[in-house]
Structure formats: structure tokens, C-alpha cells
Amino acid sequence: MGKSWYLSVIVFICFFTLGMGNMGERGVIDIPEPEKNYSVALVDQADISMDLERFSFEGQTYFIGKLGRAEISIDFDKINSVLFILEDDCVKAKVKLKDGKALEILVDKGKNCYGISSFANIRIEVQDIKKITMYGKVLNN
């Protein structure tokens, strides 16, 4: 009984101490490197506005959503702005295109957008975004 009790205590201590890493703090937000550098103005649901570069949707330079039963992707080059409206299990995205057309797609509310502001790396779930205005591609020097 002594050896099994001792082994149980050691296993418990190992699980307890290994699980203590990063308590309450996630660390640095890694920003995916998109193939193109887009600049945007993002407004969140708390009406906080920020300008971002290296903006991406799940690391990509296009939005993916559903239009009816079809899954579509809209390249950032074609988008003027996007207004997000939270619904039950998804987000309705009202997309205004540069050619003047508009459409509504449904986007998974748990998807992330990423970008870099002048003060921080940003990761935000689509459900927490109110509006995105696309400034366009940033020309690298």
C-alpha cells in the first residue's frame, strides 16, 4: 500500500505542477503573416475604433461565409466595408463591395480576425466586431 500511495501522490503533484503554466495569461498574440498587407479601420461592439495593418480573417485575405447554401469567399480587394450583426449562432455580415453592390453573408461567430495596431497585436472574434472599413493594401517600401 505504501508504494501505490507514494506513486499516486507523485502523479498528482506532476499533473498539478504541469497544469500551472500560463495561469490567466495567454502571452503574446501571434499574428499570422497574410500574403498581402491590408490596412483597415476596425470598430468593436464597445465602439472602440482602431487602425490595423496586416489585417486578416483567420490568417487569410478574404472573408469566408455562407450565401444561402453556398460557401463563398470574398477577397479583401473587392470590399469597401463590412457591418457585423450578431445573431443566435452566427454573425450576419453586410458586405459593401467597391463596385457599389451589397450582399449579406453568414459568418461563423467564433472565427478570428488579426491585425497590428500602433500599440498592440490584435486578435478579435467576429462576434465582437461592429464594423470594418477597408483602406486597402499597404505598399511596402
C-alpha atoms as a PDB file:
ATOM      1  CA  MET A   1       0.000   0.000   0.000  1.00  0.00           C
ATOM      2  CA  GLY A   2       2.869   2.391   0.716  1.00  0.00           C
ATOM      3  CA  LYS A   3       4.328   2.275  -2.810  1.00  0.00           C
ATOM      4  CA  SER A   4       0.979   2.778  -4.553  1.00  0.00           C
ATOM      5  CA  TRP A   5       0.091   5.683  -2.266  1.00  0.00           C
ATOM      6  CA  TYR A   6       3.502   7.266  -2.856  1.00  0.00           C
ATOM      7  CA  LEU A   7       3.139   6.817  -6.646  1.00  0.00           C
ATOM      8  CA  SER A   8      -0.361   8.386  -6.553  1.00  0.00           C
ATOM      9  CA  VAL A   9       0.965  11.419  -4.704  1.00  0.00           C
ATOM     10  CA  ILE A  10       3.833  11.832  -7.211  1.00  0.00           C
ATOM     11  CA  VAL A  11       1.429  11.557 -10.198  1.00  0.00           C
ATOM     12  CA  PHE A  12      -0.935  14.086  -8.591  1.00  0.00           C
ATOM     13  CA  ILE A  13       1.904  16.538  -7.975  1.00  0.00           C
ATOM     14  CA  CYS A  14       3.137  16.161 -11.566  1.00  0.00           C
ATOM     15  CA  PHE A  15      -0.319  16.874 -13.024  1.00  0.00           C
ATOM     16  CA  PHE A  16      -0.836  19.785 -10.654  1.00  0.00           C
ATOM     17  CA  THR A  17       2.506  21.463 -11.350  1.00  0.00           C
ATOM     18  CA  LEU A  18       2.435  20.872 -15.111  1.00  0.00           C
ATOM     19  CA  GLY A  19      -1.027  22.408 -15.310  1.00  0.00           C
ATOM     20  CA  MET A  20       0.106  25.617 -13.595  1.00  0.00           C
ATOM     21  CA  GLY A  21       1.720  27.217 -16.662  1.00  0.00           C
ATOM     22  CA  ASN A  22       0.215  30.419 -18.068  1.00  0.00           C
ATOM     23  CA  MET A  23      -2.312  30.850 -15.273  1.00  0.00           C
ATOM     24  CA  GLY A  24      -4.726  33.520 -16.511  1.00  0.00           C
ATOM     25  CA  GLU A  25      -2.326  34.966 -19.089  1.00  0.00           C
ATOM     26  CA  ARG A  26      -2.081  33.737 -22.656  1.00  0.00           C
ATOM     27  CA  GLY A  27       1.141  35.525 -23.542  1.00  0.00           C
ATOM     28  CA  VAL A  28       1.984  37.256 -26.805  1.00  0.00           C
ATOM     29  CA  ILE A  29      -0.654  37.211 -29.530  1.00  0.00           C
ATOM     30  CA  ASP A  30       0.890  35.706 -32.641  1.00  0.00           C
ATOM     31  CA  ILE A  31      -0.282  37.435 -35.796  1.00  0.00           C
ATOM     32  CA  PRO A  32      -0.455  35.239 -38.905  1.00  0.00           C
ATOM     33  CA  GLU A  33       1.532  36.609 -41.829  1.00  0.00           C
ATOM     34  CA  PRO A  34      -1.063  37.187 -44.588  1.00  0.00           C
ATOM     35  CA  GLU A  35       0.060  37.054 -48.209  1.00  0.00           C
ATOM     36  CA  LYS A  36      -0.871  40.750 -48.632  1.00  0.00           C
ATOM     37  CA  ASN A  37      -0.723  43.587 -46.102  1.00  0.00           C
ATOM     38  CA  TYR A  38      -4.168  45.184 -45.733  1.00  0.00           C
ATOM     39  CA  SER A  39      -4.906  48.278 -43.672  1.00  0.00           C
ATOM     40  CA  VAL A  40      -8.353  48.662 -42.064  1.00  0.00           C
ATOM     41  CA  ALA A  41     -10.318  50.658 -39.531  1.00  0.00           C
ATOM     42  CA  LEU A  42     -11.994  48.289 -37.086  1.00  0.00           C
ATOM     43  CA  VAL A  43     -14.763  49.254 -34.644  1.00  0.00           C
ATOM     44  CA  ASP A  44     -15.667  46.712 -31.968  1.00  0.00           C
ATOM     45  CA  GLN A  45     -19.013  46.192 -30.220  1.00  0.00           C
ATOM     46  CA  ALA A  46     -17.880  48.586 -27.444  1.00  0.00           C
ATOM     47  CA  ASP A  47     -17.416  51.340 -30.088  1.00  0.00           C
ATOM     48  CA  ILE A  48     -13.628  51.268 -29.717  1.00  0.00           C
ATOM     49  CA  SER A  49     -12.002  52.147 -33.027  1.00  0.00           C
ATOM     50  CA  MET A  50      -8.508  51.189 -34.120  1.00  0.00           C
ATOM     51  CA  ASP A  51      -6.465  51.267 -37.297  1.00  0.00           C
ATOM     52  CA  LEU A  52      -4.818  47.948 -38.128  1.00  0.00           C
ATOM     53  CA  GLU A  53      -2.272  46.659 -40.605  1.00  0.00           C
ATOM     54  CA  ARG A  54      -1.545  43.054 -41.597  1.00  0.00           C
ATOM     55  CA  PHE A  55      -5.284  42.525 -41.183  1.00  0.00           C
ATOM     56  CA  SER A  56      -6.559  39.019 -41.862  1.00  0.00           C
ATOM     57  CA  PHE A  57      -9.551  36.756 -41.362  1.00  0.00           C
ATOM     58  CA  GLU A  58      -8.230  33.516 -39.875  1.00  0.00           C
ATOM     59  CA  GLY A  59      -4.865  34.386 -41.462  1.00  0.00           C
ATOM     60  CA  GLN A  60      -6.389  34.856 -44.938  1.00  0.00           C
ATOM     61  CA  THR A  61      -7.055  37.977 -47.001  1.00  0.00           C
ATOM     62  CA  TYR A  62     -10.675  37.136 -47.740  1.00  0.00           C
ATOM     63  CA  PHE A  63     -13.862  36.609 -45.755  1.00  0.00           C
ATOM     64  CA  ILE A  64     -15.469  33.173 -45.822  1.00  0.00           C
ATOM     65  CA  GLY A  65     -19.179  32.830 -45.211  1.00  0.00           C
ATOM     66  CA  LYS A  66     -22.430  31.376 -46.429  1.00  0.00           C
ATOM     67  CA  LEU A  67     -24.626  32.932 -49.072  1.00  0.00           C
ATOM     68  CA  GLY A  68     -27.767  30.830 -48.988  1.00  0.00           C
ATOM     69  CA  ARG A  69     -26.480  27.277 -49.011  1.00  0.00           C
ATOM     70  CA  ALA A  70     -23.274  28.115 -50.849  1.00  0.00           C
ATOM     71  CA  GLU A  71     -19.977  28.756 -49.089  1.00  0.00           C
ATOM     72  CA  ILE A  72     -18.210  31.761 -50.591  1.00  0.00           C
ATOM     73  CA  SER A  73     -15.009  33.728 -50.141  1.00  0.00           C
ATOM     74  CA  ILE A  74     -14.785  37.454 -50.858  1.00  0.00           C
ATOM     75  CA  ASP A  75     -11.320  38.880 -51.500  1.00  0.00           C
ATOM     76  CA  PHE A  76     -10.447  41.978 -49.471  1.00  0.00           C
ATOM     77  CA  ASP A  77      -9.622  43.784 -52.755  1.00  0.00           C
ATOM     78  CA  LYS A  78     -13.354  43.761 -53.602  1.00  0.00           C
ATOM     79  CA  ILE A  79     -14.619  45.002 -50.210  1.00  0.00           C
ATOM     80  CA  ASN A  80     -15.306  48.591 -49.176  1.00  0.00           C
ATOM     81  CA  SER A  81     -16.764  47.872 -45.708  1.00  0.00           C
ATOM     82  CA  VAL A  82     -18.428  45.168 -43.615  1.00  0.00           C
ATOM     83  CA  LEU A  83     -21.079  45.685 -40.934  1.00  0.00           C
ATOM     84  CA  PHE A  84     -21.469  42.780 -38.474  1.00  0.00           C
ATOM     85  CA  ILE A  85     -24.749  41.911 -36.739  1.00  0.00           C
ATOM     86  CA  LEU A  86     -24.705  39.190 -34.071  1.00  0.00           C
ATOM     87  CA  GLU A  87     -27.429  36.565 -34.420  1.00  0.00           C
ATOM     88  CA  ASP A  88     -28.059  33.324 -32.492  1.00  0.00           C
ATOM     89  CA  ASP A  89     -25.306  31.010 -33.707  1.00  0.00           C
ATOM     90  CA  CYS A  90     -23.628  33.130 -36.352  1.00  0.00           C
ATOM     91  CA  VAL A  91     -22.942  36.681 -37.457  1.00  0.00           C
ATOM     92  CA  LYS A  92     -24.667  38.379 -40.357  1.00  0.00           C
ATOM     93  CA  ALA A  93     -22.094  40.332 -42.344  1.00  0.00           C
ATOM     94  CA  LYS A  94     -23.438  43.104 -44.558  1.00  0.00           C
ATOM     95  CA  VAL A  95     -20.688  43.495 -47.146  1.00  0.00           C
ATOM     96  CA  LYS A  96     -20.468  46.647 -49.276  1.00  0.00           C
ATOM     97  CA  LEU A  97     -18.384  45.996 -52.340  1.00  0.00           C
ATOM     98  CA  LYS A  98     -16.229  48.554 -54.149  1.00  0.00           C
ATOM     99  CA  ASP A  99     -18.368  48.204 -57.283  1.00  0.00           C
ATOM    100  CA  GLY A 100     -21.391  49.537 -55.342  1.00  0.00           C
ATOM    101  CA  LYS A 101     -23.118  46.187 -54.840  1.00  0.00           C
ATOM    102  CA  ALA A 102     -24.004  44.848 -51.401  1.00  0.00           C
ATOM    103  CA  LEU A 103     -24.681  41.376 -50.068  1.00  0.00           C
ATOM    104  CA  GLU A 104     -25.302  39.631 -46.769  1.00  0.00           C
ATOM    105  CA  ILE A 105     -23.391  36.536 -45.766  1.00  0.00           C
ATOM    106  CA  LEU A 106     -23.418  34.450 -42.598  1.00  0.00           C
ATOM    107  CA  VAL A 107     -20.068  34.081 -40.846  1.00  0.00           C
ATOM    108  CA  ASP A 108     -19.143  31.703 -38.017  1.00  0.00           C
ATOM    109  CA  LYS A 109     -19.099  33.918 -34.909  1.00  0.00           C
ATOM    110  CA  GLY A 110     -16.082  32.168 -33.377  1.00  0.00           C
ATOM    111  CA  LYS A 111     -13.723  32.940 -36.265  1.00  0.00           C
ATOM    112  CA  ASN A 112     -10.874  35.348 -35.524  1.00  0.00           C
ATOM    113  CA  CYS A 113      -9.574  38.439 -37.237  1.00  0.00           C
ATOM    114  CA  TYR A 114      -5.998  39.564 -36.642  1.00  0.00           C
ATOM    115  CA  GLY A 115      -4.056  42.761 -37.106  1.00  0.00           C
ATOM    116  CA  ILE A 116      -1.361  45.020 -35.748  1.00  0.00           C
ATOM    117  CA  SER A 117      -2.116  48.467 -34.347  1.00  0.00           C
ATOM    118  CA  SER A 118       0.411  51.122 -33.405  1.00  0.00           C
ATOM    119  CA  PHE A 119       0.202  49.929 -29.788  1.00  0.00           C
ATOM    120  CA  ALA A 120      -0.511  46.170 -29.823  1.00  0.00           C
ATOM    121  CA  ASN A 121      -1.126  42.917 -31.653  1.00  0.00           C
ATOM    122  CA  ILE A 122      -4.872  42.345 -32.001  1.00  0.00           C
ATOM    123  CA  ARG A 123      -6.953  39.167 -32.132  1.00  0.00           C
ATOM    124  CA  ILE A 124     -10.734  39.615 -32.110  1.00  0.00           C
ATOM    125  CA  GLU A 125     -13.601  37.220 -32.699  1.00  0.00           C
ATOM    126  CA  VAL A 126     -16.008  38.155 -35.482  1.00  0.00           C
ATOM    127  CA  GLN A 127     -18.869  38.302 -32.962  1.00  0.00           C
ATOM    128  CA  ASP A 128     -17.066  41.173 -31.190  1.00  0.00           C
ATOM    129  CA  ILE A 129     -16.654  43.322 -34.316  1.00  0.00           C
ATOM    130  CA  LYS A 130     -19.159  46.002 -35.275  1.00  0.00           C
ATOM    131  CA  LYS A 131     -17.632  47.366 -38.481  1.00  0.00           C
ATOM    132  CA  ILE A 132     -14.575  47.096 -40.687  1.00  0.00           C
ATOM    133  CA  THR A 133     -13.655  49.712 -43.277  1.00  0.00           C
ATOM    134  CA  MET A 134     -11.038  48.569 -45.748  1.00  0.00           C
ATOM    135  CA  TYR A 135      -8.344  51.139 -46.545  1.00  0.00           C
ATOM    136  CA  GLY A 136      -6.594  48.789 -48.960  1.00  0.00           C
ATOM    137  CA  LYS A 137      -3.198  47.252 -49.473  1.00  0.00           C
ATOM    138  CA  VAL A 138      -0.195  48.834 -47.814  1.00  0.00           C
ATOM    139  CA  LEU A 139       2.697  49.397 -50.184  1.00  0.00           C
ATOM    140  CA  ASN A 140       5.898  48.033 -48.691  1.00  0.00           C
ATOM    141  CA  ASN A 141       8.958  50.231 -49.022  1.00  0.00           C
END
